[in-house]
Protein backbone atom coordinates (compact mmCIF):
# COMPACT_ATOMS: atom_id res chain seq x y z
CA ASP A 1 0.00 0.00 0.00
CA ALA A 2 1.75 3.13 -1.26
CA HIS A 3 -0.17 5.64 0.88
CA THR A 4 -1.46 5.10 4.42
CA HIS A 5 -1.84 6.94 7.71
CA MET A 6 -1.52 3.97 10.03
CA SER A 7 -1.81 5.41 13.52
CA GLN A 8 -4.73 7.62 12.53
CA GLY A 9 -6.41 4.55 11.08
CA GLY A 10 -5.85 2.70 14.34
CA PHE A 11 -7.25 5.58 16.38
CA ASN A 12 -10.34 5.64 14.19
CA LEU A 13 -10.89 1.91 14.70
CA LEU A 14 -10.86 2.61 18.43
CA ALA A 15 -13.13 5.68 18.22
CA VAL A 16 -16.74 6.41 17.28
CA ASP A 17 -17.45 5.33 13.70
CA LEU A 18 -19.46 8.00 11.89
CA ARG A 19 -18.35 7.13 8.36
CA TYR A 20 -21.54 5.31 7.44
CA ALA A 21 -24.03 7.55 9.23
CA LYS A 22 -26.69 8.16 6.59
CA ASP A 23 -28.10 11.40 7.95
CA GLU A 24 -27.80 13.95 10.74
CA ALA A 25 -30.06 11.92 13.03
CA GLU A 26 -27.87 8.80 12.80
CA PHE A 27 -24.75 10.95 13.17
CA THR A 28 -25.98 12.51 16.42
CA ARG A 29 -27.34 9.21 17.76
CA LYS A 30 -24.02 7.41 17.28
CA LEU A 31 -22.07 10.34 18.67
CA ALA A 32 -24.30 10.62 21.75
CA GLU A 33 -24.00 6.88 22.45
CA PHE A 34 -20.22 7.05 22.24
CA ALA A 35 -20.03 10.22 24.34
CA ARG A 36 -22.00 8.57 27.14
CA SER A 37 -19.40 5.79 27.24
CA ARG A 38 -16.57 8.26 27.82
CA PRO A 39 -15.66 10.06 31.08
CA ALA A 40 -16.71 13.67 31.55
CA GLY A 41 -14.20 16.15 30.14
CA VAL A 42 -12.48 13.64 27.84
CA TRP A 43 -11.95 14.85 24.28
CA LEU A 44 -14.00 13.14 21.56
CA THR A 45 -11.94 12.91 18.37
CA ASP A 46 -11.65 11.22 14.98
CA GLY A 47 -15.02 9.89 13.70
CA THR A 48 -14.49 10.15 9.90
CA TRP A 49 -17.94 11.55 9.03
CA ASP A 50 -19.08 12.10 5.45
CA HIS A 51 -21.86 14.64 4.98
CA GLU A 52 -22.10 13.81 1.27
CA GLN A 53 -24.08 10.72 2.27
CA TRP A 54 -26.70 12.85 4.01
CA ARG A 55 -29.86 14.29 2.49
CA PRO A 56 -29.60 17.19 2.37
CA ALA A 57 -25.81 17.01 2.02
CA ARG A 58 -24.89 19.90 4.29
CA LEU A 59 -21.99 20.38 6.65
CA PRO A 60 -22.53 19.52 10.33
CA THR A 61 -22.39 22.37 12.85
CA LYS A 62 -21.58 22.92 16.50
CA ALA A 63 -25.34 23.14 17.10
CA LEU A 64 -25.62 19.54 15.92
CA LEU A 65 -22.80 18.39 18.20
CA ASP A 66 -23.52 20.30 21.40
CA PRO A 67 -26.56 18.31 22.64
CA ALA A 68 -24.85 15.00 21.83
CA THR A 69 -21.50 15.74 23.48
CA GLY A 70 -22.40 17.60 26.67
CA ASP A 71 -19.37 18.61 28.73
CA ARG A 72 -16.86 16.79 26.52
CA PRO A 73 -14.89 18.82 23.95
CA ALA A 74 -15.33 17.31 20.49
CA CYS A 75 -13.34 17.71 17.26
CA LEU A 76 -14.46 15.16 14.69
CA SER A 77 -12.61 14.72 11.40
CA ARG A 78 -14.21 14.33 8.01
CA THR A 79 -13.17 11.24 6.05
CA ASP A 80 -10.60 13.16 4.00
CA GLY A 81 -8.84 14.61 7.06
CA HIS A 82 -9.03 18.13 5.62
CA MET A 83 -12.03 19.24 7.67
CA MET A 84 -13.22 18.82 11.22
CA VAL A 85 -16.37 19.83 13.03
CA CYS A 86 -16.06 21.06 16.62
CA ASN A 87 -18.57 21.58 19.37
CA SER A 88 -18.83 24.91 21.18
CA LEU A 89 -16.57 23.77 24.01
CA ALA A 90 -13.72 22.77 21.68
CA LEU A 91 -13.96 26.09 19.84
CA LYS A 92 -13.87 27.93 23.16
CA LEU A 93 -10.81 26.00 24.36
CA ALA A 94 -9.08 26.72 21.04
CA GLY A 95 -9.86 30.43 21.36
CA ILE A 96 -11.77 30.55 18.07
CA THR A 97 -14.33 33.38 18.02
CA ARG A 98 -16.00 35.59 15.43
CA GLU A 99 -12.95 37.87 15.66
CA THR A 100 -10.52 35.06 14.78
CA PRO A 101 -9.26 35.54 11.20
CA ASP A 102 -8.86 32.66 8.78
CA PRO A 103 -5.23 31.50 9.08
CA PRO A 104 -3.02 31.18 5.99
CA GLY A 105 -3.94 27.86 4.38
CA GLY A 106 -7.17 27.42 6.36
CA VAL A 107 -10.82 28.41 6.60
CA ILE A 108 -13.11 28.91 9.60
CA VAL A 109 -16.63 28.25 8.31
CA ARG A 110 -19.04 30.85 9.69
CA ASP A 111 -22.81 31.17 9.97
CA ALA A 112 -24.84 34.04 8.54
CA SER A 113 -24.07 36.20 11.58
CA GLY A 114 -20.30 35.70 11.28
CA GLU A 115 -19.99 33.29 14.23
CA PRO A 116 -17.84 30.16 13.78
CA ALA A 117 -20.30 27.44 12.74
CA GLY A 118 -18.11 24.56 13.92
CA VAL A 119 -16.34 23.40 10.76
CA LEU A 120 -12.62 24.13 10.37
CA LYS A 121 -10.71 23.46 7.15
CA ASP A 122 -7.04 22.53 6.80
CA ALA A 123 -4.73 24.95 8.68
CA ALA A 124 -7.67 26.28 10.70
CA MET A 125 -7.65 22.92 12.50
CA ASP A 126 -4.22 23.65 13.99
CA ALA A 127 -5.70 25.81 16.76
CA VAL A 128 -7.60 22.78 18.05
CA TRP A 129 -4.62 20.43 17.76
CA LYS A 130 -2.65 22.79 19.98
CA VAL A 131 -5.10 22.52 22.89
CA ARG A 132 -6.15 18.90 22.48
CA PRO A 133 -4.13 16.60 24.76
CA ALA A 134 -1.31 14.86 22.92
CA ARG A 135 -1.57 11.12 22.38
CA THR A 136 0.37 9.13 24.96
CA ARG A 137 3.00 6.58 23.99
CA ALA A 138 0.69 3.79 25.19
CA GLU A 139 -2.21 5.13 23.10
CA LEU A 140 -0.01 5.40 20.03
CA GLU A 141 1.26 1.86 20.45
CA GLN A 142 -2.28 0.54 20.84
CA ALA A 143 -3.35 2.39 17.69
CA LEU A 144 -0.45 1.03 15.63
CA ARG A 145 -0.97 -2.54 16.84
CA THR A 146 -4.65 -2.26 15.93
CA ALA A 147 -3.79 -0.78 12.54
CA LEU A 148 -1.25 -3.49 11.71
CA GLN A 149 -3.74 -6.20 12.63
CA HIS A 150 -6.35 -4.54 10.42
CA ALA A 151 -3.92 -4.31 7.49
CA ALA A 152 -3.00 -7.99 7.77
CA ARG A 153 -6.67 -8.95 7.69
CA PHE A 154 -6.98 -7.34 4.26
CA GLY A 155 -3.80 -8.77 2.79
CA VAL A 156 -1.44 -5.81 3.15
CA THR A 157 2.18 -6.91 3.64
CA SER A 158 3.95 -3.53 3.26
CA VAL A 159 2.81 0.01 4.00
CA GLN A 160 4.21 3.39 3.09
CA ASP A 161 3.12 5.35 6.15
CA LEU A 162 2.79 9.13 5.98
CA SER A 163 2.72 10.11 9.65
CA GLY A 164 4.53 12.01 12.41
CA LEU A 165 7.98 11.08 13.71
CA ASP A 166 6.60 9.91 17.07
CA ASP A 167 5.14 6.92 15.24
CA LEU A 168 8.58 5.90 14.02
CA THR A 169 9.79 5.41 17.59
CA VAL A 170 6.88 3.05 18.27
CA TYR A 171 7.58 1.13 15.07
CA GLU A 172 11.18 0.69 16.22
CA SER A 173 9.94 -0.75 19.50
CA LEU A 174 7.56 -3.15 17.75
CA ARG A 175 10.35 -4.29 15.45
CA GLU A 176 12.69 -4.99 18.35
CA LYS A 177 9.96 -7.12 19.94
CA GLY A 178 9.40 -8.98 16.66
CA GLU A 179 5.83 -7.69 16.52
CA LEU A 180 5.73 -5.91 13.16
CA THR A 181 3.28 -7.74 10.88
CA ALA A 182 3.85 -5.46 7.87
CA ARG A 183 6.98 -3.83 6.50
CA VAL A 184 7.04 -0.06 6.91
CA SER A 185 8.50 2.66 4.70
CA PHE A 186 8.01 5.75 6.83
CA ARG A 187 7.47 9.25 5.42
CA PRO A 188 7.27 12.26 7.79
CA SER A 189 6.58 15.86 6.78
CA LEU A 190 8.61 17.78 4.22
CA THR A 191 8.52 20.76 6.61
CA ILE A 192 10.89 18.89 8.94
CA TRP A 193 13.05 17.33 6.25
CA GLU A 194 16.30 18.17 8.07
CA GLN A 195 15.05 16.47 11.24
CA ALA A 196 13.93 13.52 9.12
CA ARG A 197 17.36 13.33 7.45
CA ASP A 198 19.08 13.27 10.85
CA ARG A 199 16.61 10.69 12.17
CA LYS A 200 17.24 8.49 9.14
CA ALA A 201 20.99 8.61 9.76
CA LYS A 202 20.43 7.21 13.28
CA LEU A 203 17.78 4.67 12.31
CA ARG A 204 18.82 1.04 11.89
CA GLU A 205 17.16 0.44 8.56
CA ASP A 206 16.39 -3.08 7.43
CA GLU A 207 13.79 -4.96 5.40
CA TRP A 208 11.18 -4.24 8.11
CA LEU A 209 11.58 -0.54 8.74
CA ARG A 210 12.96 2.37 6.74
CA LEU A 211 12.59 6.12 6.61
CA GLY A 212 11.71 6.28 2.94
CA GLY A 213 11.35 10.00 2.26
CA VAL A 214 9.35 13.10 3.15
CA LYS A 215 5.88 14.27 2.15
CA GLY A 216 4.57 17.77 1.49
CA PHE A 217 1.22 19.39 0.68
CA VAL A 218 0.34 21.88 -2.05
CA ASP A 219 -3.40 22.10 -1.43
CA GLY A 220 -6.36 20.67 0.45
CA ALA A 221 -9.09 18.31 -0.76
CA LEU A 222 -12.07 18.31 -3.11
CA GLY A 223 -14.50 17.36 -0.35
CA SER A 224 -13.66 20.48 1.63
CA SER A 225 -13.44 22.65 -1.53
CA THR A 226 -9.80 23.42 -0.69
CA ALA A 227 -8.16 21.61 -3.63
CA VAL A 228 -6.58 24.31 -5.83
CA PHE A 229 -7.93 24.72 -9.39
CA PHE A 230 -7.25 27.11 -12.25
CA GLU A 231 -10.94 28.00 -12.45
CA PRO A 232 -13.49 28.64 -9.66
CA TYR A 233 -15.51 25.83 -8.15
CA THR A 234 -18.80 25.27 -9.97
CA GLN A 235 -20.63 24.87 -6.67
CA ASP A 236 -18.95 27.88 -5.05
CA PRO A 237 -17.59 30.38 -7.59
CA SER A 238 -16.14 32.48 -4.77
CA THR A 239 -13.19 30.10 -4.39
CA ARG A 240 -10.58 28.28 -6.46
CA GLY A 241 -9.32 26.35 -3.42
CA VAL A 242 -6.85 26.97 -0.61
CA TYR A 243 -3.09 26.42 -0.71
CA ALA A 244 -1.61 24.44 2.16
CA ALA A 245 0.14 26.64 4.71
CA GLU A 246 3.50 25.07 3.84
CA ALA A 247 2.98 26.06 0.18
CA ILE A 248 2.51 29.77 0.95
CA PRO A 249 4.44 31.00 -0.89
CA LEU A 250 5.18 28.24 -3.40
CA SER A 251 8.78 29.47 -3.60
CA GLN A 252 9.24 28.36 0.01
CA MET A 253 8.03 24.87 -0.83
CA GLU A 254 10.35 24.76 -3.84
CA GLU A 255 13.34 25.70 -1.67
CA ARG A 256 12.50 22.89 0.77
CA ILE A 257 12.10 20.34 -2.00
CA ALA A 258 15.37 21.41 -3.62
CA ALA A 259 17.24 21.16 -0.31
CA ALA A 260 15.75 17.79 0.63
CA ASP A 261 16.43 16.43 -2.85
CA ALA A 262 20.02 17.70 -2.80
CA ALA A 263 20.46 15.84 0.50
CA GLY A 264 19.26 12.62 -1.14
CA MET A 265 15.83 12.51 0.49
CA PRO A 266 13.03 11.17 -1.74
CA VAL A 267 10.18 13.68 -1.95
CA GLU A 268 6.47 13.18 -2.52
CA VAL A 269 3.86 15.93 -2.50
CA HIS A 270 0.08 15.90 -2.08
CA ALA A 271 -1.67 17.65 -4.99
CA ILE A 272 -5.36 17.30 -5.80
CA GLY A 273 -6.61 20.25 -7.88
CA ASP A 274 -5.50 20.72 -11.50
CA ARG A 275 -3.54 23.87 -10.68
CA ALA A 276 -1.85 22.24 -7.67
CA ASN A 277 -0.74 19.35 -9.90
CA ALA A 278 0.56 21.65 -12.62
CA GLU A 279 2.51 23.73 -10.11
CA ILE A 280 4.12 20.80 -8.32
CA LEU A 281 5.19 19.31 -11.66
CA ASP A 282 6.74 22.69 -12.52
CA ILE A 283 8.61 22.65 -9.21
CA PHE A 284 9.80 19.06 -9.68
CA GLU A 285 11.06 19.92 -13.18
CA ARG A 286 13.00 22.96 -11.98
CA VAL A 287 14.48 21.11 -8.99
CA ALA A 288 15.63 18.19 -11.13
CA LYS A 289 17.28 20.60 -13.55
CA LYS A 290 18.94 22.53 -10.72
CA ASN A 291 20.21 19.51 -8.78
CA GLY A 292 21.21 17.42 -11.78
CA PRO A 293 20.22 13.97 -13.01
CA ARG A 294 19.79 11.06 -10.62
CA ASP A 295 17.23 8.38 -9.82
CA ARG A 296 15.04 10.54 -7.54
CA ARG A 297 11.53 9.17 -8.25
CA PHE A 298 9.56 12.26 -7.34
CA ARG A 299 5.94 11.40 -6.52
CA VAL A 300 2.65 13.27 -6.63
CA GLU A 301 0.29 11.89 -4.01
CA HIS A 302 -3.30 11.71 -5.32
CA ALA A 303 -2.72 13.37 -8.75
CA GLN A 304 -6.47 13.59 -8.66
CA HIS A 305 -7.60 16.20 -11.21
CA LEU A 306 -5.35 16.58 -14.24
CA ARG A 307 -5.41 18.54 -17.47
CA PRO A 308 -4.23 16.61 -20.57
CA GLN A 309 -0.88 18.41 -20.61
CA GLU A 310 -0.13 17.35 -17.02
CA ILE A 311 -1.01 13.74 -17.81
CA ARG A 312 1.70 13.75 -20.49
CA ARG A 313 4.24 15.42 -18.20
CA PHE A 314 4.21 12.66 -15.56
CA ALA A 315 5.92 10.21 -17.89
CA ALA A 316 8.12 12.83 -19.53
CA LEU A 317 9.47 13.95 -16.14
CA GLY A 318 9.61 10.46 -14.61
CA VAL A 319 7.26 11.56 -11.81
CA ILE A 320 5.20 8.79 -10.21
CA PRO A 321 1.45 9.37 -9.86
CA SER A 322 0.72 7.74 -6.49
CA MET A 323 -3.05 7.32 -6.54
CA GLN A 324 -5.85 5.82 -4.48
CA PRO A 325 -8.51 4.24 -6.71
CA TYR A 326 -11.21 3.87 -4.06
CA HIS A 327 -11.51 7.66 -3.98
CA ALA A 328 -12.84 7.55 -7.56
CA ILE A 329 -15.93 5.54 -6.63
CA ASP A 330 -16.45 7.64 -3.51
CA ASP A 331 -15.89 11.14 -4.92
CA GLY A 332 -17.67 10.19 -8.13
CA ARG A 333 -20.99 10.54 -6.31
CA TRP A 334 -20.59 14.30 -5.96
CA ALA A 335 -17.44 15.55 -7.75
CA GLU A 336 -19.36 16.92 -10.74
CA LYS A 337 -21.39 19.04 -8.35
CA ARG A 338 -18.14 20.60 -7.14
CA ILE A 339 -16.27 21.22 -10.39
CA GLY A 340 -18.54 20.30 -13.32
CA ARG A 341 -18.52 17.45 -15.82
CA GLU A 342 -15.80 18.78 -18.10
CA ARG A 343 -13.10 19.06 -15.42
CA CYS A 344 -14.01 15.61 -14.15
CA ARG A 345 -12.83 14.05 -17.42
CA GLY A 346 -9.29 14.24 -16.06
CA THR A 347 -10.24 12.91 -12.63
CA TYR A 348 -8.48 9.73 -11.46
CA ALA A 349 -7.16 9.39 -15.02
CA PHE A 350 -5.70 5.90 -14.58
CA ARG A 351 -6.09 4.84 -18.22
CA SER A 352 -4.71 8.06 -19.65
CA LEU A 353 -1.70 8.02 -17.32
CA LEU A 354 -0.84 4.43 -18.23
CA ASP A 355 -1.31 5.14 -21.94
CA ALA A 356 1.08 8.07 -21.53
CA LYS A 357 3.62 5.57 -20.08
CA ALA A 358 3.54 6.91 -16.51
CA ARG A 359 4.39 4.39 -13.78
CA LEU A 360 1.19 4.30 -11.74
CA ALA A 361 1.42 3.28 -8.06
CA PHE A 362 -1.66 2.51 -5.96
CA GLY A 363 -2.45 2.84 -2.28
CA SER A 364 -5.53 3.28 -0.12
CA ASP A 365 -5.05 6.57 1.77
CA TRP A 366 -6.38 4.62 4.77
CA ASP A 367 -7.93 5.83 7.06
CA VAL A 368 -9.55 8.17 4.53
CA ALA A 369 -10.64 5.12 2.51
CA PRO A 370 -10.74 1.36 3.24
CA ILE A 371 -7.31 -0.27 3.32
CA SER A 372 -8.34 -3.32 1.26
CA PRO A 373 -6.26 -3.54 -1.95
CA LEU A 374 -8.96 -5.72 -3.50
CA GLN A 375 -11.52 -2.97 -3.02
CA GLY A 376 -9.03 -0.63 -4.67
CA VAL A 377 -8.61 -3.00 -7.62
CA TYR A 378 -12.40 -3.26 -7.90
CA ALA A 379 -12.63 0.54 -7.97
CA ALA A 380 -9.97 0.94 -10.67
CA VAL A 381 -11.46 -1.79 -12.86
CA THR A 382 -15.17 -0.93 -12.57
CA ARG A 383 -15.34 2.74 -11.42
CA ARG A 384 -18.83 1.96 -10.12
CA THR A 385 -19.68 4.71 -7.64
CA LEU A 386 -20.81 3.84 -4.13
CA ASP A 387 -24.31 5.18 -4.80
CA GLU A 388 -24.69 2.57 -7.60
CA LYS A 389 -25.67 5.29 -10.07
CA ASN A 390 -22.87 4.47 -12.51
CA PRO A 391 -23.16 0.72 -13.24
CA ARG A 392 -20.92 1.03 -16.32
CA GLY A 393 -18.41 3.15 -14.45
CA TRP A 394 -17.98 6.84 -13.71
CA ILE A 395 -15.87 8.29 -16.54
CA PRO A 396 -15.61 4.71 -17.90
CA GLU A 397 -12.89 5.60 -20.40
CA GLN A 398 -10.51 5.76 -17.41
CA LYS A 399 -11.06 2.14 -16.34
CA ILE A 400 -8.04 -0.18 -16.36
CA THR A 401 -7.57 -3.96 -16.37
CA VAL A 402 -7.21 -6.26 -13.37
CA ALA A 403 -3.58 -6.94 -14.29
CA GLU A 404 -2.79 -3.22 -14.51
CA ALA A 405 -4.45 -2.50 -11.17
CA LEU A 406 -2.66 -5.36 -9.42
CA ARG A 407 0.67 -4.22 -10.84
CA ALA A 408 0.03 -0.73 -9.46
CA TYR A 409 -0.56 -2.28 -6.02
CA THR A 410 2.50 -4.56 -6.17
CA ALA A 411 5.48 -4.03 -8.48
CA ASN A 412 4.86 -0.34 -9.07
CA ALA A 413 4.17 0.46 -5.42
CA ALA A 414 7.47 -1.26 -4.56
CA TYR A 415 9.24 0.76 -7.26
CA ALA A 416 7.80 4.00 -5.85
CA ALA A 417 9.61 3.20 -2.58
CA PHE A 418 12.91 2.10 -4.21
CA GLU A 419 12.13 -1.46 -3.07
CA GLU A 420 11.52 -3.25 -6.36
CA LYS A 421 14.59 -5.47 -5.98
CA GLU A 422 13.24 -7.12 -2.84
CA LYS A 423 9.44 -7.01 -3.12
CA GLY A 424 6.55 -6.33 -5.46
CA SER A 425 6.64 -9.66 -7.29
CA LEU A 426 7.01 -13.33 -6.42
CA ALA A 427 10.52 -14.33 -7.47
CA VAL A 428 13.47 -16.33 -6.20
CA GLY A 429 15.49 -14.19 -3.81
CA LYS A 430 12.71 -11.74 -3.02
CA LEU A 431 10.96 -11.47 0.33
CA ALA A 432 8.39 -14.17 1.12
CA ASP A 433 5.49 -11.73 1.44
CA PHE A 434 2.25 -12.88 -0.19
CA VAL A 435 -1.46 -13.44 0.27
CA ILE A 436 -3.72 -16.39 -0.44
CA LEU A 437 -7.13 -15.37 -1.76
CA ALA A 438 -10.40 -17.29 -1.61
CA ARG A 439 -11.05 -16.61 -5.31
CA ASP A 440 -9.02 -15.64 -8.36
CA PRO A 441 -9.44 -11.92 -9.20
CA PHE A 442 -8.72 -12.73 -12.86
CA ALA A 443 -11.51 -15.32 -12.98
CA VAL A 444 -14.41 -13.68 -11.13
CA ALA A 445 -16.69 -11.01 -12.54
CA PRO A 446 -15.16 -7.53 -12.02
CA GLU A 447 -17.94 -6.51 -9.64
CA GLU A 448 -16.99 -9.44 -7.38
CA ILE A 449 -13.32 -8.49 -6.91
CA GLY A 450 -13.93 -6.29 -3.88
CA ARG A 451 -15.79 -9.14 -2.16
CA ILE A 452 -12.95 -11.67 -2.40
CA ASP A 453 -11.85 -12.82 1.04
CA VAL A 454 -8.22 -12.96 2.10
CA GLU A 455 -7.57 -16.49 3.37
CA ARG A 456 -4.05 -15.89 4.61
CA THR A 457 -1.48 -13.10 4.78
CA VAL A 458 2.18 -14.13 4.96
CA VAL A 459 5.05 -11.75 5.70
CA GLY A 460 8.62 -13.03 5.73
CA GLY A 461 7.34 -16.58 5.46
CA LYS A 462 5.27 -16.19 8.63
CA THR A 463 1.48 -16.23 8.70
CA VAL A 464 0.32 -12.94 10.22
CA TYR A 465 -3.38 -13.44 9.43
CA SER A 466 -5.51 -16.50 8.77
CA ARG A 467 -9.24 -16.32 8.11
CA SER A 468 -9.67 -19.69 9.79
CA VAL A 469 -8.25 -18.25 13.02
CA PRO A 470 -9.55 -14.65 13.08
CA ALA A 471 -8.12 -12.26 15.65
CA PRO A 472 -10.71 -9.83 17.03
CA LEU A 473 -9.97 -6.12 16.75
CA ARG A 474 -9.00 -4.55 20.05
């Protein structure tokens, strides 16, 4: 899996699950039930709600949360991680009032009177993170153990984990105890690339644990209308998106990328909107020219909305589009509402990228989407949206074959991490990491691929999951 957030996924498995709440009533009912199970004053976090499933599809507010949460501060993340909704107590503790300006790279959603409504986008969430109690070492270890168990259940043998450096220390501990059940290529923030470089120098890297590079952000997400586009949003013409705080100005991001690259650190950058993708490709091209030729394997994480000229540039520049196919069948329910049909033609352009000879790598973006690679393959092959309104596929000309999707999840994902010599295919001398499936994904109907069970997951020749002996989630 070329793109995960493992500890956050573990924390969400241990928290209230709001992802599948179908409306505001179910959202508040589930939240109230969970709140009652928690001590007074304890923060309620995570949740992964998705208002696009509600009718009407409107953002939640503090007024919706307050009766359900009582005297517990609450900051609940949307599925994409680029928005949260807070109750009144959390906003008060964070010092967010009607006088608080939007921070660079963030938005405080306000009601008609100018009061904060509860939703915070991107950098606006930082004020809450600063007052929310930090996770303890024990909590982080529990989350990562839970996440690794979950990954094994769905046949994931290696993860590229885009998380904070504290997680790396826990991974080291789990490795020393022989308790890692997936191999980890760790990728902290580009903003701390020097710290990451120094940490890498001290890390005992082996086939189980590496610091594989650093990850930056150009923009936000489509769901929060913060992905950066050349033209205004169809649904909200007042905005073209919001640049990430670390990309203001873009010249600062370019300097960081150039310095990290010159130091030999692999770099990958989140870009979702068409303008964000064009601008990061421009930066990658200039940095490669400045620092000289080498096997650097720049990556764009998501590469979600592309103009035809950017599709061609990925292969020409040797930049890897690191994509998450499940997002296509999720976002496809409402993306046209955000940006219109025409711009969606270049959305999750798997077929076009492969035809242009780009090396496509797949991941899940778990916990934003399910971690199952088979559900990802299903999404790439069928493009059937979750609302079942596109039985022939949403933007069907971008569908790819089962073999192409599996390669993106195996050989190409290994290549994206400079690990193709030891994993990504079954061959003599490579690591004994593999899964046994209940059915053959090449033989079943495409719509059945996501329903195939994993019978066994084997890492380093050792069974880490067996369906015949299921391990309950903690």
